[in-house]
Amino acid sequence: MTSQTVAGNAVGQEGFRVEADVLQILEQQGARTLDQLESELVHIGSAQLLFAIDRLSRSGRIAIGPPCNGEYLVWVIPESPYRTTRFRPVLRKTEI
């Protein structure tokens, strides 16, 4: 039971890092296609990237646009004082 909790915790922390990396790229470079994100985040697997994009999209942090020339576009949704989210990763100055 303890090993499952530890493993689950490690997976949760890894997911958090992936989401922070995705947000950092989008905030610094603007909207990107899925292919561009994948090529810029080579240390992240395709499945991890898609799961992170899904979680960020569901939490209202990013948006995914319809395909343009066959490629989906992903961008950060600007902060709003009225928006409530369940997930809000903190990017430290040292990580940016």
N, C-alpha and C. Protein backbone atom coordinates (compact mmCIF):
# COMPACT_ATOMS: atom_id res chain seq x y z
N MET A 1 0.82 -1.19 0.00
CA MET A 1 0.00 0.00 0.00
C MET A 1 0.86 1.26 0.00
N THR A 2 1.91 1.26 0.81
CA THR A 2 2.78 2.42 0.86
C THR A 2 3.49 2.65 -0.46
N SER A 3 3.95 1.57 -1.10
CA SER A 3 4.65 1.73 -2.37
C SER A 3 3.75 2.31 -3.44
N GLN A 4 2.46 1.98 -3.41
CA GLN A 4 1.53 2.55 -4.39
C GLN A 4 1.36 4.04 -4.16
N THR A 5 1.31 4.44 -2.90
CA THR A 5 1.17 5.86 -2.59
C THR A 5 2.40 6.63 -3.05
N VAL A 6 3.56 6.07 -2.78
CA VAL A 6 4.80 6.73 -3.19
C VAL A 6 4.87 6.80 -4.71
N ALA A 7 4.55 5.70 -5.38
CA ALA A 7 4.58 5.71 -6.85
C ALA A 7 3.57 6.69 -7.41
N GLY A 8 2.37 6.70 -6.85
CA GLY A 8 1.35 7.64 -7.29
C GLY A 8 1.77 9.07 -7.09
N ASN A 9 2.45 9.33 -5.98
CA ASN A 9 2.95 10.67 -5.68
C ASN A 9 4.00 11.08 -6.70
N ALA A 10 4.89 10.16 -7.05
CA ALA A 10 5.93 10.46 -8.04
C ALA A 10 5.31 10.76 -9.39
N VAL A 11 4.29 10.00 -9.77
CA VAL A 11 3.61 10.24 -11.04
C VAL A 11 2.93 11.61 -11.01
N GLY A 12 2.31 11.96 -9.91
CA GLY A 12 1.65 13.26 -9.78
C GLY A 12 2.64 14.40 -9.89
N GLN A 13 3.81 14.25 -9.27
CA GLN A 13 4.84 15.28 -9.34
C GLN A 13 5.39 15.41 -10.75
N GLU A 14 5.56 14.28 -11.42
CA GLU A 14 6.05 14.31 -12.81
C GLU A 14 5.04 15.02 -13.71
N GLY A 15 3.75 14.73 -13.53
CA GLY A 15 2.71 15.40 -14.31
C GLY A 15 2.72 16.89 -14.09
N PHE A 16 2.96 17.29 -12.84
CA PHE A 16 3.03 18.70 -12.51
C PHE A 16 4.20 19.36 -13.25
N ARG A 17 5.35 18.68 -13.30
CA ARG A 17 6.52 19.23 -14.01
C ARG A 17 6.25 19.36 -15.50
N VAL A 18 5.59 18.36 -16.07
CA VAL A 18 5.27 18.40 -17.50
C VAL A 18 4.35 19.58 -17.79
N GLU A 19 3.32 19.76 -16.97
CA GLU A 19 2.40 20.87 -17.16
C GLU A 19 3.11 22.21 -17.01
N ALA A 20 4.02 22.31 -16.04
CA ALA A 20 4.79 23.55 -15.85
C ALA A 20 5.66 23.83 -17.07
N ASP A 21 6.27 22.78 -17.65
CA ASP A 21 7.10 22.96 -18.85
C ASP A 21 6.25 23.42 -20.04
N VAL A 22 5.08 22.84 -20.21
CA VAL A 22 4.18 23.23 -21.30
C VAL A 22 3.77 24.69 -21.14
N LEU A 23 3.36 25.07 -19.93
CA LEU A 23 2.95 26.45 -19.67
C LEU A 23 4.11 27.42 -19.91
N GLN A 24 5.29 27.04 -19.49
CA GLN A 24 6.45 27.92 -19.65
C GLN A 24 6.71 28.20 -21.14
N ILE A 25 6.68 27.16 -21.96
CA ILE A 25 6.90 27.34 -23.41
C ILE A 25 5.82 28.24 -23.99
N LEU A 26 4.56 27.98 -23.66
CA LEU A 26 3.46 28.76 -24.23
C LEU A 26 3.48 30.21 -23.76
N GLU A 27 3.85 30.44 -22.50
CA GLU A 27 3.89 31.81 -21.99
C GLU A 27 5.05 32.58 -22.60
N GLN A 28 6.17 31.92 -22.83
CA GLN A 28 7.34 32.61 -23.38
C GLN A 28 7.28 32.78 -24.89
N GLN A 29 6.72 31.79 -25.60
CA GLN A 29 6.79 31.80 -27.05
C GLN A 29 5.46 31.99 -27.74
N GLY A 30 4.38 32.02 -26.99
CA GLY A 30 3.07 32.20 -27.60
C GLY A 30 2.48 30.90 -28.10
N ALA A 31 1.44 30.99 -28.88
CA ALA A 31 0.72 29.82 -29.38
C ALA A 31 1.65 28.92 -30.18
N ARG A 32 1.49 27.62 -29.99
CA ARG A 32 2.30 26.62 -30.67
C ARG A 32 1.40 25.50 -31.16
N THR A 33 1.83 24.82 -32.20
CA THR A 33 1.12 23.62 -32.64
C THR A 33 1.57 22.46 -31.74
N LEU A 34 0.82 21.37 -31.78
CA LEU A 34 1.21 20.19 -31.00
C LEU A 34 2.58 19.69 -31.43
N ASP A 35 2.84 19.70 -32.74
CA ASP A 35 4.14 19.26 -33.25
C ASP A 35 5.27 20.15 -32.75
N GLN A 36 5.05 21.46 -32.72
CA GLN A 36 6.08 22.37 -32.22
C GLN A 36 6.36 22.12 -30.74
N LEU A 37 5.29 21.93 -29.96
CA LEU A 37 5.49 21.64 -28.53
C LEU A 37 6.28 20.35 -28.34
N GLU A 38 5.92 19.34 -29.11
CA GLU A 38 6.61 18.06 -28.98
C GLU A 38 8.09 18.18 -29.35
N SER A 39 8.40 18.96 -30.36
CA SER A 39 9.80 19.11 -30.77
C SER A 39 10.59 19.98 -29.79
N GLU A 40 9.92 20.88 -29.07
CA GLU A 40 10.60 21.74 -28.10
C GLU A 40 10.73 21.08 -26.73
N LEU A 41 9.88 20.11 -26.45
CA LEU A 41 9.91 19.42 -25.17
C LEU A 41 10.33 17.97 -25.40
N VAL A 42 11.53 17.78 -25.92
CA VAL A 42 11.99 16.45 -26.31
C VAL A 42 12.13 15.49 -25.13
N HIS A 43 12.27 16.02 -23.91
CA HIS A 43 12.40 15.17 -22.73
C HIS A 43 11.05 14.62 -22.26
N ILE A 44 9.98 15.03 -22.91
CA ILE A 44 8.63 14.60 -22.55
C ILE A 44 8.09 13.70 -23.66
N GLY A 45 7.55 12.57 -23.30
CA GLY A 45 6.97 11.66 -24.29
C GLY A 45 5.68 12.22 -24.86
N SER A 46 5.28 11.71 -26.01
CA SER A 46 4.05 12.18 -26.66
C SER A 46 2.83 12.00 -25.78
N ALA A 47 2.71 10.84 -25.15
CA ALA A 47 1.55 10.57 -24.29
C ALA A 47 1.53 11.52 -23.11
N GLN A 48 2.69 11.73 -22.46
CA GLN A 48 2.75 12.66 -21.33
C GLN A 48 2.33 14.06 -21.75
N LEU A 49 2.80 14.48 -22.92
CA LEU A 49 2.46 15.81 -23.42
C LEU A 49 0.96 15.94 -23.65
N LEU A 50 0.37 14.94 -24.29
CA LEU A 50 -1.07 15.01 -24.55
C LEU A 50 -1.89 14.98 -23.27
N PHE A 51 -1.47 14.17 -22.28
CA PHE A 51 -2.18 14.16 -21.00
C PHE A 51 -2.06 15.52 -20.30
N ALA A 52 -0.88 16.13 -20.36
CA ALA A 52 -0.68 17.44 -19.73
C ALA A 52 -1.55 18.50 -20.42
N ILE A 53 -1.60 18.46 -21.74
CA ILE A 53 -2.43 19.42 -22.48
C ILE A 53 -3.90 19.21 -22.14
N ASP A 54 -4.32 17.97 -22.02
CA ASP A 54 -5.70 17.67 -21.64
C ASP A 54 -6.02 18.23 -20.26
N ARG A 55 -5.14 17.98 -19.28
CA ARG A 55 -5.38 18.48 -17.91
C ARG A 55 -5.41 20.01 -17.88
N LEU A 56 -4.47 20.64 -18.57
CA LEU A 56 -4.42 22.11 -18.59
C LEU A 56 -5.63 22.70 -19.28
N SER A 57 -6.09 22.06 -20.33
CA SER A 57 -7.27 22.52 -21.05
C SER A 57 -8.52 22.39 -20.17
N ARG A 58 -8.67 21.26 -19.51
CA ARG A 58 -9.84 21.05 -18.64
C ARG A 58 -9.85 22.00 -17.46
N SER A 59 -8.67 22.43 -17.01
CA SER A 59 -8.60 23.35 -15.87
C SER A 59 -8.74 24.81 -16.30
N GLY A 60 -8.79 25.06 -17.61
CA GLY A 60 -8.98 26.43 -18.09
C GLY A 60 -7.70 27.23 -18.22
N ARG A 61 -6.54 26.58 -18.12
CA ARG A 61 -5.28 27.30 -18.23
C ARG A 61 -4.85 27.52 -19.68
N ILE A 62 -5.19 26.56 -20.56
CA ILE A 62 -4.84 26.69 -21.97
C ILE A 62 -6.07 26.38 -22.82
N ALA A 63 -5.97 26.73 -24.08
CA ALA A 63 -7.04 26.43 -25.03
C ALA A 63 -6.42 25.71 -26.23
N ILE A 64 -7.23 24.90 -26.87
CA ILE A 64 -6.80 24.17 -28.07
C ILE A 64 -7.74 24.56 -29.18
N GLY A 65 -7.17 25.07 -30.28
CA GLY A 65 -7.98 25.50 -31.40
C GLY A 65 -8.16 24.40 -32.42
N PRO A 66 -9.16 24.56 -33.28
CA PRO A 66 -9.41 23.57 -34.32
C PRO A 66 -8.22 23.50 -35.28
N PRO A 67 -8.11 22.38 -35.96
CA PRO A 67 -6.96 22.22 -36.85
C PRO A 67 -6.93 23.27 -37.96
N CYS A 68 -5.76 23.78 -38.17
CA CYS A 68 -5.51 24.70 -39.29
C CYS A 68 -4.41 24.04 -40.10
N ASN A 69 -4.68 23.70 -41.31
CA ASN A 69 -3.74 22.95 -42.15
C ASN A 69 -3.38 21.61 -41.48
N GLY A 70 -4.34 21.03 -40.78
CA GLY A 70 -4.14 19.72 -40.17
C GLY A 70 -3.46 19.73 -38.82
N GLU A 71 -3.15 20.90 -38.27
CA GLU A 71 -2.44 20.97 -36.99
C GLU A 71 -3.25 21.75 -35.97
N TYR A 72 -3.37 21.19 -34.76
CA TYR A 72 -4.05 21.89 -33.67
C TYR A 72 -3.13 22.96 -33.09
N LEU A 73 -3.72 24.09 -32.70
CA LEU A 73 -2.98 25.17 -32.09
C LEU A 73 -3.31 25.23 -30.61
N VAL A 74 -2.29 25.40 -29.76
CA VAL A 74 -2.45 25.45 -28.32
C VAL A 74 -1.94 26.80 -27.83
N TRP A 75 -2.67 27.45 -26.92
CA TRP A 75 -2.23 28.73 -26.37
C TRP A 75 -2.71 28.89 -24.94
N VAL A 76 -2.08 29.82 -24.22
CA VAL A 76 -2.42 30.10 -22.83
C VAL A 76 -3.62 31.03 -22.80
N ILE A 77 -4.56 30.75 -21.92
CA ILE A 77 -5.71 31.64 -21.71
C ILE A 77 -5.26 32.70 -20.71
N PRO A 78 -5.41 33.98 -21.04
CA PRO A 78 -4.98 35.04 -20.12
C PRO A 78 -5.67 34.91 -18.76
N GLU A 79 -4.92 35.28 -17.73
CA GLU A 79 -5.46 35.24 -16.36
C GLU A 79 -6.65 36.18 -16.22
N SER A 80 -7.60 35.75 -15.44
CA SER A 80 -8.77 36.57 -15.15
C SER A 80 -9.07 36.46 -13.66
N PRO A 81 -9.38 37.57 -13.01
CA PRO A 81 -9.68 37.48 -11.57
C PRO A 81 -10.98 36.72 -11.30
N TYR A 82 -11.79 36.51 -12.33
CA TYR A 82 -13.08 35.84 -12.16
C TYR A 82 -13.01 34.34 -12.41
N ARG A 83 -11.89 33.89 -12.97
CA ARG A 83 -11.75 32.48 -13.30
C ARG A 83 -11.34 31.69 -12.06
N THR A 84 -11.98 30.56 -11.87
CA THR A 84 -11.59 29.66 -10.80
C THR A 84 -11.06 28.39 -11.44
N THR A 85 -9.96 27.89 -10.92
CA THR A 85 -9.37 26.68 -11.47
C THR A 85 -9.05 25.72 -10.35
N ARG A 86 -9.01 24.46 -10.70
CA ARG A 86 -8.63 23.43 -9.73
C ARG A 86 -7.13 23.24 -9.73
N PHE A 87 -6.47 23.55 -10.82
CA PHE A 87 -5.03 23.33 -10.94
C PHE A 87 -4.37 24.65 -11.28
N ARG A 88 -3.37 25.02 -10.53
CA ARG A 88 -2.63 26.24 -10.81
C ARG A 88 -1.16 26.06 -10.46
N PRO A 89 -0.35 25.60 -11.44
CA PRO A 89 1.06 25.38 -11.13
C PRO A 89 1.77 26.71 -10.90
N VAL A 90 2.73 26.68 -10.04
CA VAL A 90 3.51 27.86 -9.72
C VAL A 90 4.85 27.74 -10.42
N LEU A 91 5.15 28.73 -11.25
CA LEU A 91 6.46 28.77 -11.92
C LEU A 91 7.37 29.70 -11.13
N ARG A 92 8.45 29.15 -10.64
CA ARG A 92 9.40 29.97 -9.88
C ARG A 92 10.30 30.70 -10.86
N LYS A 93 10.83 31.84 -10.44
CA LYS A 93 11.71 32.63 -11.30
C LYS A 93 12.89 31.80 -11.80
N THR A 94 13.36 30.86 -10.98
CA THR A 94 14.51 30.06 -11.39
C THR A 94 14.15 29.08 -12.49
N GLU A 95 12.85 28.73 -12.64
CA GLU A 95 12.42 27.81 -13.67
C GLU A 95 12.10 28.49 -15.00
N ILE A 96 11.96 29.78 -14.97
CA ILE A 96 11.57 30.50 -16.17
C ILE A 96 12.77 30.85 -17.00
